[in-house]
């Protein structure tokens, strides 16, 4: 799992897969050409790299995810907090909010998340 990272361009490519899966590798190459202006060979190279990382699979020319988008980004967020803030979510929130004021809606959403967590939901 340590190699399960993506750069910005890989993330855009992955989003194409997540939005359209399952899809054929040729369909994926067409989407990547339209959205990213990539050649077919570039799409196949990046797809292989993401399959090697265990994020996607390409079975008999059909591409689908092994890890759902929300699960992938959840793992990435946890890794970031672990690596950068010694696993402390309060330390992350303190750093985040020191540069960005939360809106009333964001505060309400955070309160609801905490209440749901405390309620066991």
PDB file of N, CA and C in Angstrom:
ATOM      1  N   UNK A   1       0.804  -1.207   0.000  1.00  0.00           N
ATOM      2  CA  UNK A   1       0.000   0.000   0.000  1.00  0.00           C
ATOM      3  C   UNK A   1       0.842   1.264   0.000  1.00  0.00           C
ATOM      4  N   UNK A   2       2.131   1.148   0.322  1.00  0.00           N
ATOM      5  CA  UNK A   2       2.965   2.341   0.417  1.00  0.00           C
ATOM      6  C   UNK A   2       3.134   3.032  -0.926  1.00  0.00           C
ATOM      7  N   UNK A   3       2.983   2.290  -2.030  1.00  0.00           N
ATOM      8  CA  UNK A   3       3.160   2.862  -3.355  1.00  0.00           C
ATOM      9  C   UNK A   3       1.833   3.337  -3.940  1.00  0.00           C
ATOM     10  N   UNK A   4       0.782   3.352  -3.153  1.00  0.00           N
ATOM     11  CA  UNK A   4      -0.533   3.694  -3.653  1.00  0.00           C
ATOM     12  C   UNK A   4      -0.749   5.196  -3.615  1.00  0.00           C
ATOM     13  N   UNK A   5       0.002   5.884  -4.448  1.00  0.00           N
ATOM     14  CA  UNK A   5      -0.126   7.325  -4.570  1.00  0.00           C
ATOM     15  C   UNK A   5      -0.310   7.660  -6.041  1.00  0.00           C
ATOM     16  N   UNK A   6      -0.868   8.832  -6.277  1.00  0.00           N
ATOM     17  CA  UNK A   6      -1.018   9.304  -7.644  1.00  0.00           C
ATOM     18  C   UNK A   6      -0.673  10.778  -7.694  1.00  0.00           C
ATOM     19  N   UNK A   7      -0.054  11.162  -8.790  1.00  0.00           N
ATOM     20  CA  UNK A   7       0.168  12.573  -9.044  1.00  0.00           C
ATOM     21  C   UNK A   7      -1.114  13.188  -9.586  1.00  0.00           C
ATOM     22  N   UNK A   8      -1.063  14.476  -9.842  1.00  0.00           N
ATOM     23  CA  UNK A   8      -2.256  15.201 -10.295  1.00  0.00           C
ATOM     24  C   UNK A   8      -2.787  14.672 -11.624  1.00  0.00           C
ATOM     25  N   UNK A   9      -1.895  14.387 -12.567  1.00  0.00           N
ATOM     26  CA  UNK A   9      -2.336  13.914 -13.880  1.00  0.00           C
ATOM     27  C   UNK A   9      -2.877  12.489 -13.776  1.00  0.00           C
ATOM     28  N   UNK A  10      -2.208  11.651 -12.986  1.00  0.00           N
ATOM     29  CA  UNK A  10      -2.715  10.297 -12.771  1.00  0.00           C
ATOM     30  C   UNK A  10      -4.093  10.338 -12.119  1.00  0.00           C
ATOM     31  N   UNK A  11      -4.290  11.276 -11.210  1.00  0.00           N
ATOM     32  CA  UNK A  11      -5.593  11.411 -10.547  1.00  0.00           C
ATOM     33  C   UNK A  11      -6.689  11.769 -11.545  1.00  0.00           C
ATOM     34  N   UNK A  12      -6.392  12.642 -12.493  1.00  0.00           N
ATOM     35  CA  UNK A  12      -7.381  12.990 -13.522  1.00  0.00           C
ATOM     36  C   UNK A  12      -7.718  11.763 -14.373  1.00  0.00           C
ATOM     37  N   UNK A  13      -6.699  10.979 -14.701  1.00  0.00           N
ATOM     38  CA  UNK A  13      -6.895   9.755 -15.463  1.00  0.00           C
ATOM     39  C   UNK A  13      -7.738   8.764 -14.652  1.00  0.00           C
ATOM     40  N   UNK A  14      -7.400   8.612 -13.380  1.00  0.00           N
ATOM     41  CA  UNK A  14      -8.147   7.706 -12.496  1.00  0.00           C
ATOM     42  C   UNK A  14      -9.603   8.139 -12.388  1.00  0.00           C
ATOM     43  N   UNK A  15      -9.842   9.447 -12.329  1.00  0.00           N
ATOM     44  CA  UNK A  15     -11.216   9.946 -12.257  1.00  0.00           C
ATOM     45  C   UNK A  15     -12.025   9.532 -13.489  1.00  0.00           C
ATOM     46  N   UNK A  16     -11.373   9.502 -14.634  1.00  0.00           N
ATOM     47  CA  UNK A  16     -12.056   9.041 -15.852  1.00  0.00           C
ATOM     48  C   UNK A  16     -12.506   7.598 -15.666  1.00  0.00           C
ATOM     49  N   UNK A  17     -11.629   6.774 -15.127  1.00  0.00           N
ATOM     50  CA  UNK A  17     -11.988   5.371 -14.905  1.00  0.00           C
ATOM     51  C   UNK A  17     -13.135   5.273 -13.912  1.00  0.00           C
ATOM     52  N   UNK A  18     -12.978   5.932 -12.762  1.00  0.00           N
ATOM     53  CA  UNK A  18     -14.012   5.857 -11.729  1.00  0.00           C
ATOM     54  C   UNK A  18     -15.365   6.361 -12.231  1.00  0.00           C
ATOM     55  N   UNK A  19     -15.363   7.364 -13.089  1.00  0.00           N
ATOM     56  CA  UNK A  19     -16.621   7.926 -13.590  1.00  0.00           C
ATOM     57  C   UNK A  19     -17.314   7.023 -14.603  1.00  0.00           C
ATOM     58  N   UNK A  20     -16.535   6.187 -15.315  1.00  0.00           N
ATOM     59  CA  UNK A  20     -17.107   5.424 -16.429  1.00  0.00           C
ATOM     60  C   UNK A  20     -17.002   3.910 -16.277  1.00  0.00           C
ATOM     61  N   UNK A  21     -16.460   3.444 -15.177  1.00  0.00           N
ATOM     62  CA  UNK A  21     -16.226   1.995 -15.054  1.00  0.00           C
ATOM     63  C   UNK A  21     -17.511   1.198 -14.950  1.00  0.00           C
ATOM     64  N   UNK A  22     -17.454  -0.045 -15.399  1.00  0.00           N
ATOM     65  CA  UNK A  22     -16.369  -0.665 -16.154  1.00  0.00           C
ATOM     66  C   UNK A  22     -16.382  -0.155 -17.592  1.00  0.00           C
ATOM     67  N   UNK A  23     -15.207  -0.074 -18.175  1.00  0.00           N
ATOM     68  CA  UNK A  23     -15.090   0.358 -19.560  1.00  0.00           C
ATOM     69  C   UNK A  23     -13.941  -0.386 -20.217  1.00  0.00           C
ATOM     70  N   UNK A  24     -13.994  -0.443 -21.521  1.00  0.00           N
ATOM     71  CA  UNK A  24     -12.921  -1.127 -22.242  1.00  0.00           C
ATOM     72  C   UNK A  24     -11.690  -0.229 -22.256  1.00  0.00           C
ATOM     73  N   UNK A  25     -10.531  -0.857 -22.401  1.00  0.00           N
ATOM     74  CA  UNK A  25      -9.299  -0.069 -22.430  1.00  0.00           C
ATOM     75  C   UNK A  25      -9.274   0.865 -23.641  1.00  0.00           C
ATOM     76  N   UNK A  26      -9.910   0.472 -24.737  1.00  0.00           N
ATOM     77  CA  UNK A  26      -9.955   1.369 -25.899  1.00  0.00           C
ATOM     78  C   UNK A  26     -10.872   2.561 -25.637  1.00  0.00           C
ATOM     79  N   UNK A  27     -11.993   2.337 -24.935  1.00  0.00           N
ATOM     80  CA  UNK A  27     -12.863   3.462 -24.543  1.00  0.00           C
ATOM     81  C   UNK A  27     -12.106   4.413 -23.626  1.00  0.00           C
ATOM     82  N   UNK A  28     -11.362   3.841 -22.690  1.00  0.00           N
ATOM     83  CA  UNK A  28     -10.569   4.653 -21.764  1.00  0.00           C
ATOM     84  C   UNK A  28      -9.566   5.508 -22.523  1.00  0.00           C
ATOM     85  N   UNK A  29      -8.904   4.923 -23.501  1.00  0.00           N
ATOM     86  CA  UNK A  29      -7.933   5.667 -24.301  1.00  0.00           C
ATOM     87  C   UNK A  29      -8.617   6.821 -25.046  1.00  0.00           C
ATOM     88  N   UNK A  30      -9.838   6.602 -25.518  1.00  0.00           N
ATOM     89  CA  UNK A  30     -10.582   7.665 -26.212  1.00  0.00           C
ATOM     90  C   UNK A  30     -10.943   8.798 -25.255  1.00  0.00           C
ATOM     91  N   UNK A  31     -11.409   8.436 -24.053  1.00  0.00           N
ATOM     92  CA  UNK A  31     -11.702   9.468 -23.044  1.00  0.00           C
ATOM     93  C   UNK A  31     -10.444  10.253 -22.696  1.00  0.00           C
ATOM     94  N   UNK A  32      -9.332   9.549 -22.499  1.00  0.00           N
ATOM     95  CA  UNK A  32      -8.080  10.213 -22.137  1.00  0.00           C
ATOM     96  C   UNK A  32      -7.599  11.126 -23.267  1.00  0.00           C
ATOM     97  N   UNK A  33      -7.854  10.733 -24.499  1.00  0.00           N
ATOM     98  CA  UNK A  33      -7.485  11.596 -25.628  1.00  0.00           C
ATOM     99  C   UNK A  33      -8.322  12.877 -25.604  1.00  0.00           C
ATOM    100  N   UNK A  34      -9.619  12.736 -25.328  1.00  0.00           N
ATOM    101  CA  UNK A  34     -10.512  13.894 -25.292  1.00  0.00           C
ATOM    102  C   UNK A  34     -10.220  14.808 -24.101  1.00  0.00           C
ATOM    103  N   UNK A  35     -10.068  14.222 -22.928  1.00  0.00           N
ATOM    104  CA  UNK A  35      -9.951  15.002 -21.704  1.00  0.00           C
ATOM    105  C   UNK A  35      -8.524  15.479 -21.444  1.00  0.00           C
ATOM    106  N   UNK A  36      -7.554  14.598 -21.697  1.00  0.00           N
ATOM    107  CA  UNK A  36      -6.160  14.892 -21.345  1.00  0.00           C
ATOM    108  C   UNK A  36      -5.259  15.132 -22.555  1.00  0.00           C
ATOM    109  N   UNK A  37      -5.812  14.958 -23.745  1.00  0.00           N
ATOM    110  CA  UNK A  37      -5.048  15.075 -24.984  1.00  0.00           C
ATOM    111  C   UNK A  37      -3.880  14.081 -25.028  1.00  0.00           C
ATOM    112  N   UNK A  38      -4.128  12.863 -24.554  1.00  0.00           N
ATOM    113  CA  UNK A  38      -3.107  11.813 -24.526  1.00  0.00           C
ATOM    114  C   UNK A  38      -3.224  10.925 -25.737  1.00  0.00           C
ATOM    115  N   UNK A  39      -2.077  10.371 -26.123  1.00  0.00           N
ATOM    116  CA  UNK A  39      -2.060   9.325 -27.142  1.00  0.00           C
ATOM    117  C   UNK A  39      -2.433   8.015 -26.464  1.00  0.00           C
ATOM    118  N   UNK A  40      -2.878   7.064 -27.268  1.00  0.00           N
ATOM    119  CA  UNK A  40      -3.280   5.765 -26.750  1.00  0.00           C
ATOM    120  C   UNK A  40      -2.163   5.111 -25.941  1.00  0.00           C
ATOM    121  N   UNK A  41      -0.931   5.217 -26.420  1.00  0.00           N
ATOM    122  CA  UNK A  41       0.192   4.579 -25.723  1.00  0.00           C
ATOM    123  C   UNK A  41       0.400   5.168 -24.325  1.00  0.00           C
ATOM    124  N   UNK A  42       0.185   6.461 -24.184  1.00  0.00           N
ATOM    125  CA  UNK A  42       0.316   7.103 -22.871  1.00  0.00           C
ATOM    126  C   UNK A  42      -0.745   6.559 -21.929  1.00  0.00           C
ATOM    127  N   UNK A  43      -1.981   6.431 -22.413  1.00  0.00           N
ATOM    128  CA  UNK A  43      -3.067   5.893 -21.590  1.00  0.00           C
ATOM    129  C   UNK A  43      -2.742   4.486 -21.117  1.00  0.00           C
ATOM    130  N   UNK A  44      -2.258   3.657 -22.024  1.00  0.00           N
ATOM    131  CA  UNK A  44      -1.957   2.268 -21.665  1.00  0.00           C
ATOM    132  C   UNK A  44      -0.788   2.194 -20.676  1.00  0.00           C
ATOM    133  N   UNK A  45       0.178   3.072 -20.829  1.00  0.00           N
ATOM    134  CA  UNK A  45       1.320   3.090 -19.903  1.00  0.00           C
ATOM    135  C   UNK A  45       0.871   3.480 -18.497  1.00  0.00           C
ATOM    136  N   UNK A  46       0.068   4.543 -18.399  1.00  0.00           N
ATOM    137  CA  UNK A  46      -0.403   5.003 -17.089  1.00  0.00           C
ATOM    138  C   UNK A  46      -1.363   3.979 -16.494  1.00  0.00           C
ATOM    139  N   UNK A  47      -2.221   3.383 -17.309  1.00  0.00           N
ATOM    140  CA  UNK A  47      -3.131   2.351 -16.818  1.00  0.00           C
ATOM    141  C   UNK A  47      -2.343   1.186 -16.228  1.00  0.00           C
ATOM    142  N   UNK A  48      -1.309   0.752 -16.912  1.00  0.00           N
ATOM    143  CA  UNK A  48      -0.493  -0.356 -16.395  1.00  0.00           C
ATOM    144  C   UNK A  48       0.127   0.020 -15.055  1.00  0.00           C
ATOM    145  N   UNK A  49       0.631   1.239 -14.960  1.00  0.00           N
ATOM    146  CA  UNK A  49       1.247   1.690 -13.711  1.00  0.00           C
ATOM    147  C   UNK A  49       0.225   1.687 -12.564  1.00  0.00           C
ATOM    148  N   UNK A  50      -0.993   2.157 -12.828  1.00  0.00           N
ATOM    149  CA  UNK A  50      -2.023   2.185 -11.789  1.00  0.00           C
ATOM    150  C   UNK A  50      -2.527   0.780 -11.450  1.00  0.00           C
ATOM    151  N   UNK A  51      -2.514  -0.113 -12.426  1.00  0.00           N
ATOM    152  CA  UNK A  51      -2.862  -1.513 -12.165  1.00  0.00           C
ATOM    153  C   UNK A  51      -1.776  -2.163 -11.315  1.00  0.00           C
ATOM    154  N   UNK A  52      -0.515  -1.866 -11.623  1.00  0.00           N
ATOM    155  CA  UNK A  52       0.599  -2.413 -10.839  1.00  0.00           C
ATOM    156  C   UNK A  52       0.548  -1.941  -9.389  1.00  0.00           C
ATOM    157  N   UNK A  53      -0.005  -0.763  -9.172  1.00  0.00           N
ATOM    158  CA  UNK A  53      -0.142  -0.238  -7.807  1.00  0.00           C
ATOM    159  C   UNK A  53      -1.319  -0.870  -7.069  1.00  0.00           C
ATOM    160  N   UNK A  54      -2.159  -1.604  -7.789  1.00  0.00           N
ATOM    161  CA  UNK A  54      -3.293  -2.269  -7.159  1.00  0.00           C
ATOM    162  C   UNK A  54      -4.534  -1.410  -7.019  1.00  0.00           C
ATOM    163  N   UNK A  55      -4.603  -0.330  -7.777  1.00  0.00           N
ATOM    164  CA  UNK A  55      -5.759   0.571  -7.692  1.00  0.00           C
ATOM    165  C   UNK A  55      -6.839   0.155  -8.698  1.00  0.00           C
ATOM    166  N   UNK A  56      -6.391  -0.287  -9.879  1.00  0.00           N
ATOM    167  CA  UNK A  56      -7.296  -0.707 -10.953  1.00  0.00           C
ATOM    168  C   UNK A  56      -6.885  -2.073 -11.465  1.00  0.00           C
ATOM    169  N   UNK A  57      -7.775  -2.668 -12.251  1.00  0.00           N
ATOM    170  CA  UNK A  57      -7.449  -3.922 -12.917  1.00  0.00           C
ATOM    171  C   UNK A  57      -7.917  -3.832 -14.363  1.00  0.00           C
ATOM    172  N   UNK A  58      -7.208  -4.550 -15.210  1.00  0.00           N
ATOM    173  CA  UNK A  58      -7.535  -4.611 -16.632  1.00  0.00           C
ATOM    174  C   UNK A  58      -7.613  -6.088 -16.988  1.00  0.00           C
ATOM    175  N   UNK A  59      -8.830  -6.617 -16.972  1.00  0.00           N
ATOM    176  CA  UNK A  59      -9.036  -8.029 -17.244  1.00  0.00           C
ATOM    177  C   UNK A  59      -9.716  -8.202 -18.588  1.00  0.00           C
ATOM    178  N   UNK A  60      -8.994  -8.843 -19.505  1.00  0.00           N
ATOM    179  CA  UNK A  60      -9.507  -9.107 -20.848  1.00  0.00           C
ATOM    180  C   UNK A  60      -9.980  -7.831 -21.525  1.00  0.00           C
ATOM    181  N   UNK A  61      -9.240  -6.742 -21.296  1.00  0.00           N
ATOM    182  CA  UNK A  61      -9.557  -5.472 -21.941  1.00  0.00           C
ATOM    183  C   UNK A  61     -10.632  -4.656 -21.261  1.00  0.00           C
ATOM    184  N   UNK A  62     -11.132  -5.115 -20.104  1.00  0.00           N
ATOM    185  CA  UNK A  62     -12.124  -4.354 -19.346  1.00  0.00           C
ATOM    186  C   UNK A  62     -11.465  -3.783 -18.106  1.00  0.00           C
ATOM    187  N   UNK A  63     -11.535  -2.469 -17.982  1.00  0.00           N
ATOM    188  CA  UNK A  63     -10.894  -1.746 -16.884  1.00  0.00           C
ATOM    189  C   UNK A  63     -11.934  -1.438 -15.812  1.00  0.00           C
ATOM    190  N   UNK A  64     -11.572  -1.746 -14.561  1.00  0.00           N
ATOM    191  CA  UNK A  64     -12.429  -1.419 -13.425  1.00  0.00           C
ATOM    192  C   UNK A  64     -11.545  -1.190 -12.208  1.00  0.00           C
ATOM    193  N   UNK A  65     -12.143  -0.666 -11.163  1.00  0.00           N
ATOM    194  CA  UNK A  65     -11.363  -0.337  -9.972  1.00  0.00           C
ATOM    195  C   UNK A  65     -11.297  -1.521  -9.023  1.00  0.00           C
ATOM    196  N   UNK A  66     -10.197  -1.592  -8.322  1.00  0.00           N
ATOM    197  CA  UNK A  66     -10.043  -2.508  -7.197  1.00  0.00           C
ATOM    198  C   UNK A  66     -10.391  -1.737  -5.929  1.00  0.00           C
ATOM    199  N   UNK A  67     -10.060  -0.459  -5.937  1.00  0.00           N
ATOM    200  CA  UNK A  67     -10.325   0.425  -4.803  1.00  0.00           C
ATOM    201  C   UNK A  67     -11.247   1.550  -5.278  1.00  0.00           C
ATOM    202  N   UNK A  68     -12.345   1.750  -4.587  1.00  0.00           N
ATOM    203  CA  UNK A  68     -13.288   2.817  -4.933  1.00  0.00           C
ATOM    204  C   UNK A  68     -12.641   4.182  -4.702  1.00  0.00           C
ATOM    205  N   UNK A  69     -13.102   5.175  -5.429  1.00  0.00           N
ATOM    206  CA  UNK A  69     -12.562   6.527  -5.333  1.00  0.00           C
ATOM    207  C   UNK A  69     -12.573   7.046  -3.891  1.00  0.00           C
ATOM    208  N   UNK A  70     -13.705   6.944  -3.210  1.00  0.00           N
ATOM    209  CA  UNK A  70     -13.792   7.449  -1.839  1.00  0.00           C
ATOM    210  C   UNK A  70     -12.825   6.724  -0.911  1.00  0.00           C
ATOM    211  N   UNK A  71     -12.699   5.419  -1.085  1.00  0.00           N
ATOM    212  CA  UNK A  71     -11.767   4.645  -0.260  1.00  0.00           C
ATOM    213  C   UNK A  71     -10.324   5.058  -0.527  1.00  0.00           C
ATOM    214  N   UNK A  72      -9.991   5.273  -1.802  1.00  0.00           N
ATOM    215  CA  UNK A  72      -8.635   5.676  -2.154  1.00  0.00           C
ATOM    216  C   UNK A  72      -8.290   7.019  -1.513  1.00  0.00           C
ATOM    217  N   UNK A  73      -9.168   8.004  -1.673  1.00  0.00           N
ATOM    218  CA  UNK A  73      -8.867   9.326  -1.135  1.00  0.00           C
ATOM    219  C   UNK A  73      -8.916   9.343   0.393  1.00  0.00           C
ATOM    220  N   UNK A  74      -9.721   8.482   0.980  1.00  0.00           N
ATOM    221  CA  UNK A  74      -9.727   8.338   2.429  1.00  0.00           C
ATOM    222  C   UNK A  74      -8.373   7.813   2.911  1.00  0.00           C
ATOM    223  N   UNK A  75      -7.837   6.809   2.218  1.00  0.00           N
ATOM    224  CA  UNK A  75      -6.516   6.278   2.584  1.00  0.00           C
ATOM    225  C   UNK A  75      -5.436   7.343   2.421  1.00  0.00           C
ATOM    226  N   UNK A  76      -5.527   8.136   1.358  1.00  0.00           N
ATOM    227  CA  UNK A  76      -4.532   9.178   1.122  1.00  0.00           C
ATOM    228  C   UNK A  76      -4.600  10.252   2.206  1.00  0.00           C
ATOM    229  N   UNK A  77      -5.813  10.607   2.608  1.00  0.00           N
ATOM    230  CA  UNK A  77      -5.984  11.609   3.662  1.00  0.00           C
ATOM    231  C   UNK A  77      -5.410  11.109   4.976  1.00  0.00           C
ATOM    232  N   UNK A  78      -5.691   9.860   5.299  1.00  0.00           N
ATOM    233  CA  UNK A  78      -5.170   9.281   6.534  1.00  0.00           C
ATOM    234  C   UNK A  78      -3.648   9.249   6.508  1.00  0.00           C
ATOM    235  N   UNK A  79      -3.083   8.859   5.377  1.00  0.00           N
ATOM    236  CA  UNK A  79      -1.622   8.820   5.256  1.00  0.00           C
ATOM    237  C   UNK A  79      -1.028  10.209   5.462  1.00  0.00           C
ATOM    238  N   UNK A  80      -1.665  11.228   4.857  1.00  0.00           N
ATOM    239  CA  UNK A  80      -1.172  12.593   4.995  1.00  0.00           C
ATOM    240  C   UNK A  80      -1.175  13.033   6.457  1.00  0.00           C
ATOM    241  N   UNK A  81      -2.285  12.793   7.146  1.00  0.00           N
ATOM    242  CA  UNK A  81      -2.388  13.183   8.560  1.00  0.00           C
ATOM    243  C   UNK A  81      -1.374  12.396   9.388  1.00  0.00           C
ATOM    244  N   UNK A  82      -1.230  11.102   9.116  1.00  0.00           N
ATOM    245  CA  UNK A  82      -0.250  10.277   9.840  1.00  0.00           C
ATOM    246  C   UNK A  82       1.173  10.791   9.625  1.00  0.00           C
ATOM    247  N   UNK A  83       1.528  11.027   8.361  1.00  0.00           N
ATOM    248  CA  UNK A  83       2.902  11.423   8.022  1.00  0.00           C
ATOM    249  C   UNK A  83       3.237  12.852   8.439  1.00  0.00           C
ATOM    250  N   UNK A  84       2.271  13.736   8.327  1.00  0.00           N
ATOM    251  CA  UNK A  84       2.543  15.152   8.537  1.00  0.00           C
ATOM    252  C   UNK A  84       2.227  15.637   9.946  1.00  0.00           C
ATOM    253  N   UNK A  85       1.227  15.032  10.576  1.00  0.00           N
ATOM    254  CA  UNK A  85       0.763  15.511  11.884  1.00  0.00           C
ATOM    255  C   UNK A  85       0.794  14.412  12.945  1.00  0.00           C
ATOM    256  N   UNK A  86       1.656  13.423  12.733  1.00  0.00           N
ATOM    257  CA  UNK A  86       1.792  12.296  13.682  1.00  0.00           C
ATOM    258  C   UNK A  86       0.432  11.659  13.986  1.00  0.00           C
ATOM    259  N   UNK A  87      -0.454  11.640  12.994  1.00  0.00           N
ATOM    260  CA  UNK A  87      -1.754  11.007  13.155  1.00  0.00           C
ATOM    261  C   UNK A  87      -2.776  11.832  13.914  1.00  0.00           C
ATOM    262  N   UNK A  88      -2.459  13.078  14.230  1.00  0.00           N
ATOM    263  CA  UNK A  88      -3.358  13.905  15.026  1.00  0.00           C
ATOM    264  C   UNK A  88      -4.298  14.718  14.137  1.00  0.00           C
ATOM    265  N   UNK A  89      -5.559  14.323  14.120  1.00  0.00           N
ATOM    266  CA  UNK A  89      -6.550  15.078  13.366  1.00  0.00           C
ATOM    267  C   UNK A  89      -6.735  16.488  13.930  1.00  0.00           C
ATOM    268  N   UNK A  90      -6.770  16.662  15.278  1.00  0.00           N
ATOM    269  CA  UNK A  90      -6.859  18.035  15.800  1.00  0.00           C
ATOM    270  C   UNK A  90      -5.690  18.920  15.365  1.00  0.00           C
ATOM    271  N   UNK A  91      -4.480  18.356  15.299  1.00  0.00           N
ATOM    272  CA  UNK A  91      -3.328  19.150  14.840  1.00  0.00           C
ATOM    273  C   UNK A  91      -3.500  19.541  13.376  1.00  0.00           C
ATOM    274  N   UNK A  92      -4.008  18.617  12.563  1.00  0.00           N
ATOM    275  CA  UNK A  92      -4.274  18.932  11.157  1.00  0.00           C
ATOM    276  C   UNK A  92      -5.308  20.046  11.047  1.00  0.00           C
ATOM    277  N   UNK A  93      -6.422  19.917  11.778  1.00  0.00           N
ATOM    278  CA  UNK A  93      -7.478  20.937  11.711  1.00  0.00           C
ATOM    279  C   UNK A  93      -6.982  22.290  12.199  1.00  0.00           C
ATOM    280  N   UNK A  94      -6.148  22.292  13.242  1.00  0.00           N
ATOM    281  CA  UNK A  94      -5.588  23.550  13.741  1.00  0.00           C
ATOM    282  C   UNK A  94      -4.726  24.205  12.663  1.00  0.00           C
ATOM    283  N   UNK A  95      -3.890  23.419  11.997  1.00  0.00           N
ATOM    284  CA  UNK A  95      -3.046  23.967  10.934  1.00  0.00           C
ATOM    285  C   UNK A  95      -3.895  24.449   9.760  1.00  0.00           C
ATOM    286  N   UNK A  96      -4.886  23.662   9.392  1.00  0.00           N
ATOM    287  CA  UNK A  96      -5.746  24.007   8.262  1.00  0.00           C
ATOM    288  C   UNK A  96      -6.516  25.295   8.521  1.00  0.00           C
ATOM    289  N   UNK A  97      -7.102  25.397   9.708  1.00  0.00           N
ATOM    290  CA  UNK A  97      -7.937  26.563   9.999  1.00  0.00           C
ATOM    291  C   UNK A  97      -7.124  27.803  10.348  1.00  0.00           C
ATOM    292  N   UNK A  98      -5.823  27.652  10.564  1.00  0.00           N
ATOM    293  CA  UNK A  98      -5.008  28.843  10.799  1.00  0.00           C
ATOM    294  C   UNK A  98      -4.835  29.645   9.507  1.00  0.00           C
ATOM    295  N   UNK A  99      -5.031  29.009   8.364  1.00  0.00           N
ATOM    296  CA  UNK A  99      -4.878  29.667   7.067  1.00  0.00           C
ATOM    297  C   UNK A  99      -6.200  29.887   6.343  1.00  0.00           C
ATOM    298  N   UNK A 100      -7.244  29.209   6.797  1.00  0.00           N
ATOM    299  CA  UNK A 100      -8.533  29.300   6.118  1.00  0.00           C
ATOM    300  C   UNK A 100      -9.641  29.335   7.155  1.00  0.00           C
ATOM    301  N   UNK A 101     -10.422  30.374   7.121  1.00  0.00           N
ATOM    302  CA  UNK A 101     -11.554  30.480   8.045  1.00  0.00           C
ATOM    303  C   UNK A 101     -12.661  29.550   7.554  1.00  0.00           C
ATOM    304  N   UNK A 102     -13.185  28.759   8.466  1.00  0.00           N
ATOM    305  CA  UNK A 102     -14.279  27.860   8.122  1.00  0.00           C
ATOM    306  C   UNK A 102     -15.586  28.635   8.035  1.00  0.00           C
ATOM    307  N   UNK A 103     -16.409  28.260   7.071  1.00  0.00           N
ATOM    308  CA  UNK A 103     -17.736  28.874   6.964  1.00  0.00           C
ATOM    309  C   UNK A 103     -18.644  28.255   8.018  1.00  0.00           C
ATOM    310  N   UNK A 104     -19.764  28.904   8.262  1.00  0.00           N
ATOM    311  CA  UNK A 104     -20.733  28.381   9.219  1.00  0.00           C
ATOM    312  C   UNK A 104     -21.225  27.001   8.783  1.00  0.00           C
ATOM    313  N   UNK A 105     -21.389  26.813   7.478  1.00  0.00           N
ATOM    314  CA  UNK A 105     -21.826  25.525   6.946  1.00  0.00           C
ATOM    315  C   UNK A 105     -20.765  24.444   7.194  1.00  0.00           C
ATOM    316  N   UNK A 106     -19.492  24.780   6.989  1.00  0.00           N
ATOM    317  CA  UNK A 106     -18.419  23.812   7.241  1.00  0.00           C
ATOM    318  C   UNK A 106     -18.358  23.437   8.719  1.00  0.00           C
ATOM    319  N   UNK A 107     -18.515  24.412   9.591  1.00  0.00           N
ATOM    320  CA  UNK A 107     -18.512  24.138  11.038  1.00  0.00           C
ATOM    321  C   UNK A 107     -19.685  23.217  11.380  1.00  0.00           C
ATOM    322  N   UNK A 108     -20.845  23.492  10.804  1.00  0.00           N
ATOM    323  CA  UNK A 108     -22.029  22.654  11.060  1.00  0.00           C
ATOM    324  C   UNK A 108     -21.794  21.226  10.564  1.00  0.00           C
ATOM    325  N   UNK A 109     -21.173  21.094   9.411  1.00  0.00           N
ATOM    326  CA  UNK A 109     -20.878  19.763   8.875  1.00  0.00           C
ATOM    327  C   UNK A 109     -19.908  19.007   9.789  1.00  0.00           C
ATOM    328  N   UNK A 110     -18.896  19.695  10.284  1.00  0.00           N
ATOM    329  CA  UNK A 110     -17.948  19.063  11.206  1.00  0.00           C
ATOM    330  C   UNK A 110     -18.635  18.651  12.506  1.00  0.00           C
ATOM    331  N   UNK A 111     -19.489  19.523  13.024  1.00  0.00           N
ATOM    332  CA  UNK A 111     -20.230  19.179  14.246  1.00  0.00           C
ATOM    333  C   UNK A 111     -21.087  17.937  14.032  1.00  0.00           C
ATOM    334  N   UNK A 112     -21.749  17.881  12.891  1.00  0.00           N
ATOM    335  CA  UNK A 112     -22.593  16.720  12.586  1.00  0.00           C
ATOM    336  C   UNK A 112     -21.743  15.462  12.494  1.00  0.00           C
ATOM    337  N   UNK A 113     -20.581  15.556  11.887  1.00  0.00           N
ATOM    338  CA  UNK A 113     -19.696  14.388  11.787  1.00  0.00           C
ATOM    339  C   UNK A 113     -19.303  13.897  13.180  1.00  0.00           C
ATOM    340  N   UNK A 114     -18.966  14.817  14.072  1.00  0.00           N
ATOM    341  CA  UNK A 114     -18.580  14.442  15.429  1.00  0.00           C
ATOM    342  C   UNK A 114     -19.785  13.840  16.157  1.00  0.00           C
ATOM    343  N   UNK A 115     -20.941  14.462  16.016  1.00  0.00           N
ATOM    344  CA  UNK A 115     -22.147  13.935  16.669  1.00  0.00           C
ATOM    345  C   UNK A 115     -22.482  12.545  16.149  1.00  0.00           C
ATOM    346  N   UNK A 116     -22.380  12.341  14.846  1.00  0.00           N
ATOM    347  CA  UNK A 116     -22.643  11.020  14.256  1.00  0.00           C
ATOM    348  C   UNK A 116     -21.646   9.998  14.776  1.00  0.00           C
ATOM    349  N   UNK A 117     -20.394  10.408  14.893  1.00  0.00           N
ATOM    350  CA  UNK A 117     -19.362   9.511  15.413  1.00  0.00           C
ATOM    351  C   UNK A 117     -19.637   9.135  16.867  1.00  0.00           C
ATOM    352  N   UNK A 118     -20.004  10.129  17.652  1.00  0.00           N
ATOM    353  CA  UNK A 118     -20.294   9.885  19.069  1.00  0.00           C
ATOM    354  C   UNK A 118     -21.543   9.018  19.227  1.00  0.00           C
ATOM    355  N   UNK A 119     -22.469   9.153  18.278  1.00  0.00           N
ATOM    356  CA  UNK A 119     -23.686   8.362  18.306  1.00  0.00           C
ATOM    357  C   UNK A 119     -23.511   6.971  17.744  1.00  0.00           C
ATOM    358  N   UNK A 120     -22.341   6.673  17.241  1.00  0.00           N
ATOM    359  CA  UNK A 120     -22.070   5.337  16.724  1.00  0.00           C
ATOM    360  C   UNK A 120     -22.549   5.098  15.305  1.00  0.00           C
ATOM    361  N   UNK A 121     -22.856   6.149  14.571  1.00  0.00           N
ATOM    362  CA  UNK A 121     -23.332   5.981  13.201  1.00  0.00           C
ATOM    363  C   UNK A 121     -22.190   5.876  12.232  1.00  0.00           C
TER     364      UNK A 121
END
